[in-house]
Amino acid sequence: MALVSMKEMLIKAKEEKYAVGQYNINNLEFTQAILLAAQEEKSPVILGVSEGAAKYMGGFVSVVYMVKGLIESYGITVPVAIHLDHGSSFDKCKEAIDAGFTSVMIDASHHPFEENIEITSQVVEYAHAKGVSVEAELGTVGGDEDGVTGGIIYADPEECRKMVAETAIDCLAPALGSVHGPYKGEPNLGFKEMEEISNLADLPLVLHGGTGIPTKDIQRSISLGTAKINVNTENQIAATKVVREVLANDTKVYDPRKYLAPAREAIKTTVIGKMREFGSSQKA
């Protein structure tokens, strides 16, 4: 199947009360594992690509060619979106779109509110003309992920309403207590704010920092309008754990396929579990 934007898959998810996972890709094995999991589970899927990961993999164009090649080789038939995660500027979003990304996130949340709206509007205008979906963020998601660092600052519901009204974004990531990376203790999500923002914004919400959030909180978030949940750390931990085990058990191993193949399988297993937890299995 050809690559698609996130717009339709997230509208459907919100209506039918499940969430589509964004699983970040960091190399070939991550991409293989996530696509194979999606096909096996008959789940729509979003491949998240941070600017740092894109650079590591050779740039936005290389990422698109790799994904398209795997979709063709594996005969993938489920909807797949390639999404720029935490795009830092209009120029970076434009570069990703021009390379063939089907979705972008513009993260101007660290700018003053009016400037955030201005930058986001620019991205929306360029993206929508090319059929590309746009995600924006308000507030600050805590933690540290690929150079994106912040303490938690909750999104303001009225600012969320204004952002949606003035920019025509396709989905919104309001910061409501989740963090990037592993949690220290139990996550404390702002469900009251989530419900208010969902009612005011009336479009699919996005939950960043999906690793380590209890299933009951995931399900409550989905019931309140969350239609996209981002996962990266959990897959990285699963893959690295297996690599460590393989190398510890056999000190003579030197062929990278001997430890990358089991790592790939660990990612696939983790993603399948997430797809079932989010309710996206059998929804393609």
C-alpha atoms as a PDB file:
ATOM      1  CA  MET A   1       0.000   0.000   0.000  1.00  0.00           C
ATOM      2  CA  ALA A   2       1.173   3.539  -0.706  1.00  0.00           C
ATOM      3  CA  LEU A   3       2.151   5.753   2.205  1.00  0.00           C
ATOM      4  CA  VAL A   4      -0.719   7.762   3.684  1.00  0.00           C
ATOM      5  CA  SER A   5      -1.119  10.812   5.907  1.00  0.00           C
ATOM      6  CA  MET A   6      -2.213  10.378   9.541  1.00  0.00           C
ATOM      7  CA  LYS A   7      -5.406  12.388   9.127  1.00  0.00           C
ATOM      8  CA  GLU A   8      -7.884   9.677   8.120  1.00  0.00           C
ATOM      9  CA  MET A   9      -6.401   6.968  10.351  1.00  0.00           C
ATOM     10  CA  LEU A  10      -6.638   9.228  13.424  1.00  0.00           C
ATOM     11  CA  ILE A  11     -10.191  10.408  12.693  1.00  0.00           C
ATOM     12  CA  LYS A  12     -11.252   6.749  12.401  1.00  0.00           C
ATOM     13  CA  ALA A  13      -9.370   5.850  15.596  1.00  0.00           C
ATOM     14  CA  LYS A  14     -11.018   8.669  17.563  1.00  0.00           C
ATOM     15  CA  GLU A  15     -14.481   7.700  16.306  1.00  0.00           C
ATOM     16  CA  GLU A  16     -13.982   3.995  17.054  1.00  0.00           C
ATOM     17  CA  LYS A  17     -12.207   4.550  20.406  1.00  0.00           C
ATOM     18  CA  TYR A  18      -8.753   3.101  19.812  1.00  0.00           C
ATOM     19  CA  ALA A  19      -5.329   4.667  19.280  1.00  0.00           C
ATOM     20  CA  VAL A  20      -2.788   4.259  16.497  1.00  0.00           C
ATOM     21  CA  GLY A  21       0.758   3.859  17.748  1.00  0.00           C
ATOM     22  CA  GLN A  22       3.628   5.996  16.542  1.00  0.00           C
ATOM     23  CA  TYR A  23       6.680   3.762  16.849  1.00  0.00           C
ATOM     24  CA  ASN A  24       9.961   5.571  16.290  1.00  0.00           C
ATOM     25  CA  ILE A  25      12.425   4.084  13.846  1.00  0.00           C
ATOM     26  CA  ASN A  26      16.146   4.337  14.541  1.00  0.00           C
ATOM     27  CA  ASN A  27      17.606   2.013  11.909  1.00  0.00           C
ATOM     28  CA  LEU A  28      16.734  -0.772   9.448  1.00  0.00           C
ATOM     29  CA  GLU A  29      15.849  -3.342  12.112  1.00  0.00           C
ATOM     30  CA  PHE A  30      13.403  -1.037  13.905  1.00  0.00           C
ATOM     31  CA  THR A  31      11.674  -0.305  10.597  1.00  0.00           C
ATOM     32  CA  GLN A  32      11.469  -3.980   9.631  1.00  0.00           C
ATOM     33  CA  ALA A  33      10.117  -4.993  13.036  1.00  0.00           C
ATOM     34  CA  ILE A  34       7.419  -2.303  13.156  1.00  0.00           C
ATOM     35  CA  LEU A  35       6.186  -2.883   9.595  1.00  0.00           C
ATOM     36  CA  LEU A  36       6.065  -6.665  10.098  1.00  0.00           C
ATOM     37  CA  ALA A  37       4.191  -6.238  13.391  1.00  0.00           C
ATOM     38  CA  ALA A  38       1.647  -3.935  11.727  1.00  0.00           C
ATOM     39  CA  GLN A  39       1.058  -6.363   8.865  1.00  0.00           C
ATOM     40  CA  GLU A  40       0.728  -9.339  11.216  1.00  0.00           C
ATOM     41  CA  GLU A  41      -1.736  -7.469  13.452  1.00  0.00           C
ATOM     42  CA  LYS A  42      -3.573  -5.842  10.526  1.00  0.00           C
ATOM     43  CA  SER A  43      -3.000  -2.491  12.239  1.00  0.00           C
ATOM     44  CA  PRO A  44      -2.482   0.979  10.789  1.00  0.00           C
ATOM     45  CA  VAL A  45       0.913   2.296  11.845  1.00  0.00           C
ATOM     46  CA  ILE A  46       2.855   5.544  12.131  1.00  0.00           C
ATOM     47  CA  LEU A  47       6.635   5.424  11.746  1.00  0.00           C
ATOM     48  CA  GLY A  48       8.044   8.265  13.840  1.00  0.00           C
ATOM     49  CA  VAL A  49      11.345   9.782  12.741  1.00  0.00           C
ATOM     50  CA  SER A  50      13.152  12.342  14.899  1.00  0.00           C
ATOM     51  CA  GLU A  51      15.563  14.760  13.253  1.00  0.00           C
ATOM     52  CA  GLY A  52      18.428  13.007  15.041  1.00  0.00           C
ATOM     53  CA  ALA A  53      17.348   9.553  13.843  1.00  0.00           C
ATOM     54  CA  ALA A  54      16.877  10.837  10.290  1.00  0.00           C
ATOM     55  CA  LYS A  55      20.405  12.238  10.321  1.00  0.00           C
ATOM     56  CA  TYR A  56      21.734   8.922  11.684  1.00  0.00           C
ATOM     57  CA  MET A  57      19.982   7.010   8.869  1.00  0.00           C
ATOM     58  CA  GLY A  58      21.385   9.276   6.139  1.00  0.00           C
ATOM     59  CA  GLY A  59      18.734  11.990   5.926  1.00  0.00           C
ATOM     60  CA  PHE A  60      15.024  12.303   5.193  1.00  0.00           C
ATOM     61  CA  VAL A  61      15.314  11.015   1.608  1.00  0.00           C
ATOM     62  CA  SER A  62      17.172   7.862   2.719  1.00  0.00           C
ATOM     63  CA  VAL A  63      14.475   7.156   5.314  1.00  0.00           C
ATOM     64  CA  VAL A  64      11.673   7.434   2.747  1.00  0.00           C
ATOM     65  CA  TYR A  65      13.467   5.147   0.278  1.00  0.00           C
ATOM     66  CA  MET A  66      14.151   2.572   2.999  1.00  0.00           C
ATOM     67  CA  VAL A  67      10.519   2.550   4.152  1.00  0.00           C
ATOM     68  CA  LYS A  68       9.136   2.382   0.605  1.00  0.00           C
ATOM     69  CA  GLY A  69      11.559  -0.420  -0.257  1.00  0.00           C
ATOM     70  CA  LEU A  70      10.512  -2.492   2.757  1.00  0.00           C
ATOM     71  CA  ILE A  71       6.801  -1.898   2.089  1.00  0.00           C
ATOM     72  CA  GLU A  72       7.310  -3.254  -1.430  1.00  0.00           C
ATOM     73  CA  SER A  73       9.594  -6.154  -0.444  1.00  0.00           C
ATOM     74  CA  TYR A  74       7.344  -7.303   2.405  1.00  0.00           C
ATOM     75  CA  GLY A  75       4.085  -6.713   0.522  1.00  0.00           C
ATOM     76  CA  ILE A  76       2.773  -4.457   3.303  1.00  0.00           C
ATOM     77  CA  THR A  77      -0.935  -3.717   2.755  1.00  0.00           C
ATOM     78  CA  VAL A  78      -1.845  -1.843   5.965  1.00  0.00           C
ATOM     79  CA  PRO A  79      -1.871   1.999   6.078  1.00  0.00           C
ATOM     80  CA  VAL A  80       1.595   3.390   6.898  1.00  0.00           C
ATOM     81  CA  ALA A  81       2.468   7.028   7.633  1.00  0.00           C
ATOM     82  CA  ILE A  82       6.021   8.403   7.876  1.00  0.00           C
ATOM     83  CA  HIS A  83       5.914  11.171  10.455  1.00  0.00           C
ATOM     84  CA  LEU A  84       8.538  13.755  11.426  1.00  0.00           C
ATOM     85  CA  ASP A  85       8.654  13.678  15.224  1.00  0.00           C
ATOM     86  CA  HIS A  86       9.330  17.026  16.957  1.00  0.00           C
ATOM     87  CA  GLY A  87      10.126  19.024  13.828  1.00  0.00           C
ATOM     88  CA  SER A  88      12.144  21.970  15.108  1.00  0.00           C
ATOM     89  CA  SER A  89      11.325  24.545  12.425  1.00  0.00           C
ATOM     90  CA  PHE A  90       9.322  25.296   9.293  1.00  0.00           C
ATOM     91  CA  ASP A  91      12.430  24.544   7.210  1.00  0.00           C
ATOM     92  CA  LYS A  92      12.895  21.075   8.737  1.00  0.00           C
ATOM     93  CA  CYS A  93       9.209  20.248   8.210  1.00  0.00           C
ATOM     94  CA  LYS A  94       9.433  21.443   4.592  1.00  0.00           C
ATOM     95  CA  GLU A  95      12.560  19.344   4.031  1.00  0.00           C
ATOM     96  CA  ALA A  96      10.808  16.227   5.359  1.00  0.00           C
ATOM     97  CA  ILE A  97       7.673  16.886   3.280  1.00  0.00           C
ATOM     98  CA  ASP A  98       9.734  17.448   0.125  1.00  0.00           C
ATOM     99  CA  ALA A  99      11.544  14.144   0.793  1.00  0.00           C
ATOM    100  CA  GLY A 100       8.225  12.274   0.865  1.00  0.00           C
ATOM    101  CA  PHE A 101       7.152  12.256   4.519  1.00  0.00           C
ATOM    102  CA  THR A 102       3.368  11.999   4.733  1.00  0.00           C
ATOM    103  CA  SER A 103       3.019  13.669   8.128  1.00  0.00           C
ATOM    104  CA  VAL A 104       4.958  16.155  10.262  1.00  0.00           C
ATOM    105  CA  MET A 105       4.930  17.456  13.801  1.00  0.00           C
ATOM    106  CA  ILE A 106       5.915  21.066  14.243  1.00  0.00           C
ATOM    107  CA  ASP A 107       7.066  21.519  17.820  1.00  0.00           C
ATOM    108  CA  ALA A 108       7.119  25.267  18.412  1.00  0.00           C
ATOM    109  CA  SER A 109       5.879  24.791  21.994  1.00  0.00           C
ATOM    110  CA  HIS A 110       9.003  26.470  23.416  1.00  0.00           C
ATOM    111  CA  HIS A 111       8.122  29.712  21.597  1.00  0.00           C
ATOM    112  CA  PRO A 112       5.632  32.283  22.942  1.00  0.00           C
ATOM    113  CA  PHE A 113       2.055  31.226  22.133  1.00  0.00           C
ATOM    114  CA  GLU A 114       1.421  33.685  19.282  1.00  0.00           C
ATOM    115  CA  GLU A 115       4.726  32.742  17.654  1.00  0.00           C
ATOM    116  CA  ASN A 116       3.851  29.047  18.011  1.00  0.00           C
ATOM    117  CA  ILE A 117       0.590  29.726  16.135  1.00  0.00           C
ATOM    118  CA  GLU A 118       2.397  31.679  13.420  1.00  0.00           C
ATOM    119  CA  ILE A 119       5.024  28.959  12.794  1.00  0.00           C
ATOM    120  CA  THR A 120       2.430  26.175  12.974  1.00  0.00           C
ATOM    121  CA  SER A 121       0.165  27.988  10.482  1.00  0.00           C
ATOM    122  CA  GLN A 122       3.064  28.249   8.021  1.00  0.00           C
ATOM    123  CA  VAL A 123       3.692  24.506   8.284  1.00  0.00           C
ATOM    124  CA  VAL A 124      -0.021  23.668   7.910  1.00  0.00           C
ATOM    125  CA  GLU A 125      -0.324  25.797   4.770  1.00  0.00           C
ATOM    126  CA  TYR A 126       2.664  24.094   3.112  1.00  0.00           C
ATOM    127  CA  ALA A 127       1.789  20.579   4.316  1.00  0.00           C
ATOM    128  CA  HIS A 128      -1.919  20.591   3.488  1.00  0.00           C
ATOM    129  CA  ALA A 129      -1.206  21.754  -0.073  1.00  0.00           C
ATOM    130  CA  LYS A 130       0.702  18.468  -0.469  1.00  0.00           C
ATOM    131  CA  GLY A 131      -1.772  16.226   1.382  1.00  0.00           C
ATOM    132  CA  VAL A 132       0.475  15.954   4.454  1.00  0.00           C
ATOM    133  CA  SER A 133      -0.987  15.904   7.982  1.00  0.00           C
ATOM    134  CA  VAL A 134       0.269  18.171  10.775  1.00  0.00           C
ATOM    135  CA  GLU A 135       0.588  17.645  14.534  1.00  0.00           C
ATOM    136  CA  ALA A 136       1.365  20.517  16.914  1.00  0.00           C
ATOM    137  CA  GLU A 137       2.258  20.661  20.614  1.00  0.00           C
ATOM    138  CA  LEU A 138       1.231  22.953  23.460  1.00  0.00           C
ATOM    139  CA  GLY A 139       2.817  22.924  26.903  1.00  0.00           C
ATOM    140  CA  THR A 140       5.999  20.939  27.541  1.00  0.00           C
ATOM    141  CA  VAL A 141       6.281  17.150  27.620  1.00  0.00           C
ATOM    142  CA  GLY A 142       8.845  16.317  30.306  1.00  0.00           C
ATOM    143  CA  GLY A 143      11.947  14.163  30.139  1.00  0.00           C
ATOM    144  CA  ASP A 144      14.662  13.824  27.528  1.00  0.00           C
ATOM    145  CA  GLU A 145      14.384  12.245  24.096  1.00  0.00           C
ATOM    146  CA  ASP A 146      16.912  12.633  21.308  1.00  0.00           C
ATOM    147  CA  GLY A 147      17.940  16.121  22.378  1.00  0.00           C
ATOM    148  CA  VAL A 148      14.393  17.273  23.193  1.00  0.00           C
ATOM    149  CA  THR A 149      14.514  18.101  26.904  1.00  0.00           C
ATOM    150  CA  GLY A 150      11.963  19.712  29.183  1.00  0.00           C
ATOM    151  CA  GLY A 151      10.213  19.844  32.520  1.00  0.00           C
ATOM    152  CA  ILE A 152       6.471  19.245  32.414  1.00  0.00           C
ATOM    153  CA  ILE A 153       4.388  22.350  31.670  1.00  0.00           C
ATOM    154  CA  TYR A 154       0.681  21.550  31.315  1.00  0.00           C
ATOM    155  CA  ALA A 155      -1.116  22.768  28.199  1.00  0.00           C
ATOM    156  CA  ASP A 156      -3.713  25.504  28.686  1.00  0.00           C
ATOM    157  CA  PRO A 157      -7.173  24.389  27.418  1.00  0.00           C
ATOM    158  CA  GLU A 158      -8.108  27.818  26.050  1.00  0.00           C
ATOM    159  CA  GLU A 159      -4.801  28.057  24.173  1.00  0.00           C
ATOM    160  CA  CYS A 160      -5.511  24.598  22.725  1.00  0.00           C
ATOM    161  CA  ARG A 161      -8.912  25.762  21.454  1.00  0.00           C
ATOM    162  CA  LYS A 162      -7.343  28.852  19.905  1.00  0.00           C
ATOM    163  CA  MET A 163      -4.501  26.852  18.339  1.00  0.00           C
ATOM    164  CA  VAL A 164      -6.956  24.502  16.605  1.00  0.00           C
ATOM    165  CA  ALA A 165      -9.237  27.335  15.471  1.00  0.00           C
ATOM    166  CA  GLU A 166      -6.426  29.441  14.024  1.00  0.00           C
ATOM    167  CA  THR A 167      -4.137  26.838  12.437  1.00  0.00           C
ATOM    168  CA  ALA A 168      -6.283  23.963  11.033  1.00  0.00           C
ATOM    169  CA  ILE A 169      -3.880  21.334  12.444  1.00  0.00           C
ATOM    170  CA  ASP A 170      -4.960  17.679  12.145  1.00  0.00           C
ATOM    171  CA  CYS A 171      -4.077  16.542  15.665  1.00  0.00           C
ATOM    172  CA  LEU A 172      -2.848  18.125  18.878  1.00  0.00           C
ATOM    173  CA  ALA A 173      -0.312  16.970  21.467  1.00  0.00           C
ATOM    174  CA  PRO A 174      -1.216  18.811  24.680  1.00  0.00           C
ATOM    175  CA  ALA A 175       1.356  18.259  27.436  1.00  0.00           C
ATOM    176  CA  LEU A 176      -0.590  16.663  30.285  1.00  0.00           C
ATOM    177  CA  GLY A 177       1.977  15.013  32.541  1.00  0.00           C
ATOM    178  CA  SER A 178       3.610  12.402  30.306  1.00  0.00           C
ATOM    179  CA  VAL A 179       7.392  12.346  29.823  1.00  0.00           C
ATOM    180  CA  HIS A 180       9.879  11.186  27.207  1.00  0.00           C
ATOM    181  CA  GLY A 181      12.076   8.330  28.357  1.00  0.00           C
ATOM    182  CA  PRO A 182      11.594   6.075  31.402  1.00  0.00           C
ATOM    183  CA  TYR A 183       9.303   7.282  34.206  1.00  0.00           C
ATOM    184  CA  LYS A 184      10.645   7.848  37.696  1.00  0.00           C
ATOM    185  CA  GLY A 185       7.673   6.576  39.692  1.00  0.00           C
ATOM    186  CA  GLU A 186       4.054   6.469  38.504  1.00  0.00           C
ATOM    187  CA  PRO A 187       3.015   8.807  35.680  1.00  0.00           C
ATOM    188  CA  ASN A 188       0.415  11.389  36.697  1.00  0.00           C
ATOM    189  CA  LEU A 189      -1.711  12.318  33.679  1.00  0.00           C
ATOM    190  CA  GLY A 190      -4.092  15.283  33.792  1.00  0.00           C
ATOM    191  CA  PHE A 191      -7.319  13.562  32.749  1.00  0.00           C
ATOM    192  CA  LYS A 192      -9.530  16.500  33.741  1.00  0.00           C
ATOM    193  CA  GLU A 193      -7.534  18.804  31.460  1.00  0.00           C
ATOM    194  CA  MET A 194      -7.456  16.119  28.747  1.00  0.00           C
ATOM    195  CA  GLU A 195     -11.255  15.907  28.740  1.00  0.00           C
ATOM    196  CA  GLU A 196     -11.646  19.688  28.644  1.00  0.00           C
ATOM    197  CA  ILE A 197      -9.114  20.043  25.810  1.00  0.00           C
ATOM    198  CA  SER A 198     -10.717  17.203  23.869  1.00  0.00           C
ATOM    199  CA  ASN A 199     -14.132  18.878  24.104  1.00  0.00           C
ATOM    200  CA  LEU A 200     -12.792  22.323  23.185  1.00  0.00           C
ATOM    201  CA  ALA A 201     -10.434  21.215  20.405  1.00  0.00           C
ATOM    202  CA  ASP A 202     -12.684  18.521  18.892  1.00  0.00           C
ATOM    203  CA  LEU A 203      -9.905  16.734  17.026  1.00  0.00           C
ATOM    204  CA  PRO A 204      -7.661  13.709  17.728  1.00  0.00           C
ATOM    205  CA  LEU A 205      -5.283  14.163  20.661  1.00  0.00           C
ATOM    206  CA  VAL A 206      -1.755  12.760  20.853  1.00  0.00           C
ATOM    207  CA  LEU A 207      -0.071  11.276  23.920  1.00  0.00           C
ATOM    208  CA  HIS A 208       3.723  11.576  23.891  1.00  0.00           C
ATOM    209  CA  GLY A 209       5.870   9.427  26.175  1.00  0.00           C
ATOM    210  CA  GLY A 210       3.681   6.310  25.907  1.00  0.00           C
ATOM    211  CA  THR A 211       6.302   4.001  27.453  1.00  0.00           C
ATOM    212  CA  GLY A 212       5.501   3.003  31.030  1.00  0.00           C
ATOM    213  CA  ILE A 213       1.962   4.411  31.200  1.00  0.00           C
ATOM    214  CA  PRO A 214      -0.345   1.808  32.828  1.00  0.00           C
ATOM    215  CA  THR A 215      -2.942   0.174  30.555  1.00  0.00           C
ATOM    216  CA  LYS A 216      -5.828   1.643  32.574  1.00  0.00           C
ATOM    217  CA  ASP A 217      -4.457   5.158  31.963  1.00  0.00           C
ATOM    218  CA  ILE A 218      -3.947   4.389  28.267  1.00  0.00           C
ATOM    219  CA  GLN A 219      -7.553   3.227  27.985  1.00  0.00           C
ATOM    220  CA  ARG A 220      -8.856   6.253  29.864  1.00  0.00           C
ATOM    221  CA  SER A 221      -6.850   8.545  27.575  1.00  0.00           C
ATOM    222  CA  ILE A 222      -8.360   6.838  24.522  1.00  0.00           C
ATOM    223  CA  SER A 223     -11.874   7.232  25.960  1.00  0.00           C
ATOM    224  CA  LEU A 224     -11.173  10.987  26.279  1.00  0.00           C
ATOM    225  CA  GLY A 225     -10.162  11.477  22.641  1.00  0.00           C
ATOM    226  CA  THR A 226      -6.528  10.348  22.438  1.00  0.00           C
ATOM    227  CA  ALA A 227      -6.080   8.701  19.027  1.00  0.00           C
ATOM    228  CA  LYS A 228      -2.273   8.559  18.707  1.00  0.00           C
ATOM    229  CA  ILE A 229       0.227   7.301  21.266  1.00  0.00           C
ATOM    230  CA  ASN A 230       3.995   7.608  20.815  1.00  0.00           C
ATOM    231  CA  VAL A 231       6.331   4.767  21.781  1.00  0.00           C
ATOM    232  CA  ASN A 232      10.115   4.705  21.478  1.00  0.00           C
ATOM    233  CA  THR A 233      11.907   4.027  24.775  1.00  0.00           C
ATOM    234  CA  GLU A 234      10.155   0.678  25.334  1.00  0.00           C
ATOM    235  CA  ASN A 235      11.353  -0.659  21.968  1.00  0.00           C
ATOM    236  CA  GLN A 236      14.873   0.634  22.555  1.00  0.00           C
ATOM    237  CA  ILE A 237      15.049  -1.031  25.976  1.00  0.00           C
ATOM    238  CA  ALA A 238      13.705  -4.349  24.597  1.00  0.00           C
ATOM    239  CA  ALA A 239      16.206  -4.366  21.723  1.00  0.00           C
ATOM    240  CA  THR A 240      19.211  -3.401  23.841  1.00  0.00           C
ATOM    241  CA  LYS A 241      18.384  -6.010  26.501  1.00  0.00           C
ATOM    242  CA  VAL A 242      18.483  -8.780  23.894  1.00  0.00           C
ATOM    243  CA  VAL A 243      21.728  -7.530  22.347  1.00  0.00           C
ATOM    244  CA  ARG A 244      23.358  -7.529  25.796  1.00  0.00           C
ATOM    245  CA  GLU A 245      22.130 -11.083  26.453  1.00  0.00           C
ATOM    246  CA  VAL A 246      23.388 -12.426  23.119  1.00  0.00           C
ATOM    247  CA  LEU A 247      26.826 -10.863  23.556  1.00  0.00           C
ATOM    248  CA  ALA A 248      27.076 -12.002  27.185  1.00  0.00           C
ATOM    249  CA  ASN A 249      26.138 -15.582  26.256  1.00  0.00           C
ATOM    250  CA  ASP A 250      28.543 -15.868  23.326  1.00  0.00           C
ATOM    251  CA  THR A 251      31.736 -13.829  23.503  1.00  0.00           C
ATOM    252  CA  LYS A 252      32.850 -15.157  20.098  1.00  0.00           C
ATOM    253  CA  VAL A 253      29.961 -13.532  18.191  1.00  0.00           C
ATOM    254  CA  TYR A 254      31.063 -10.947  15.636  1.00  0.00           C
ATOM    255  CA  ASP A 255      28.419 -11.162  12.886  1.00  0.00           C
ATOM    256  CA  PRO A 256      26.021  -8.259  13.668  1.00  0.00           C
ATOM    257  CA  ARG A 257      23.098 -10.233  12.269  1.00  0.00           C
ATOM    258  CA  LYS A 258      23.472 -12.674  15.162  1.00  0.00           C
ATOM    259  CA  TYR A 259      22.462  -9.988  17.675  1.00  0.00           C
ATOM    260  CA  LEU A 260      20.475  -7.576  15.485  1.00  0.00           C
ATOM    261  CA  ALA A 261      18.017 -10.273  14.339  1.00  0.00           C
ATOM    262  CA  PRO A 262      16.998 -11.172  17.935  1.00  0.00           C
ATOM    263  CA  ALA A 263      16.815  -7.432  18.726  1.00  0.00           C
ATOM    264  CA  ARG A 264      14.482  -6.988  15.754  1.00  0.00           C
ATOM    265  CA  GLU A 265      12.294  -9.819  17.025  1.00  0.00           C
ATOM    266  CA  ALA A 266      12.146  -8.214  20.489  1.00  0.00           C
ATOM    267  CA  ILE A 267      10.982  -4.926  18.952  1.00  0.00           C
ATOM    268  CA  LYS A 268       8.343  -6.728  16.893  1.00  0.00           C
ATOM    269  CA  THR A 269       7.007  -8.540  19.966  1.00  0.00           C
ATOM    270  CA  THR A 270       6.879  -5.266  21.927  1.00  0.00           C
ATOM    271  CA  VAL A 271       5.052  -3.449  19.115  1.00  0.00           C
ATOM    272  CA  ILE A 272       2.485  -6.242  18.736  1.00  0.00           C
ATOM    273  CA  GLY A 273       1.783  -5.961  22.462  1.00  0.00           C
ATOM    274  CA  LYS A 274       1.306  -2.191  22.132  1.00  0.00           C
ATOM    275  CA  MET A 275      -1.006  -2.530  19.129  1.00  0.00           C
ATOM    276  CA  ARG A 276      -3.227  -4.880  21.094  1.00  0.00           C
ATOM    277  CA  GLU A 277      -3.130  -2.601  24.149  1.00  0.00           C
ATOM    278  CA  PHE A 278      -4.042   0.465  22.059  1.00  0.00           C
ATOM    279  CA  GLY A 279      -6.835  -1.437  20.277  1.00  0.00           C
ATOM    280  CA  SER A 280      -5.469  -0.861  16.749  1.00  0.00           C
ATOM    281  CA  SER A 281      -5.095  -4.555  15.860  1.00  0.00           C
ATOM    282  CA  GLN A 282      -7.513  -5.679  13.106  1.00  0.00           C
ATOM    283  CA  LYS A 283      -8.380  -2.019  12.335  1.00  0.00           C
ATOM    284  CA  ALA A 284      -6.482  -1.645   9.041  1.00  0.00           C
END
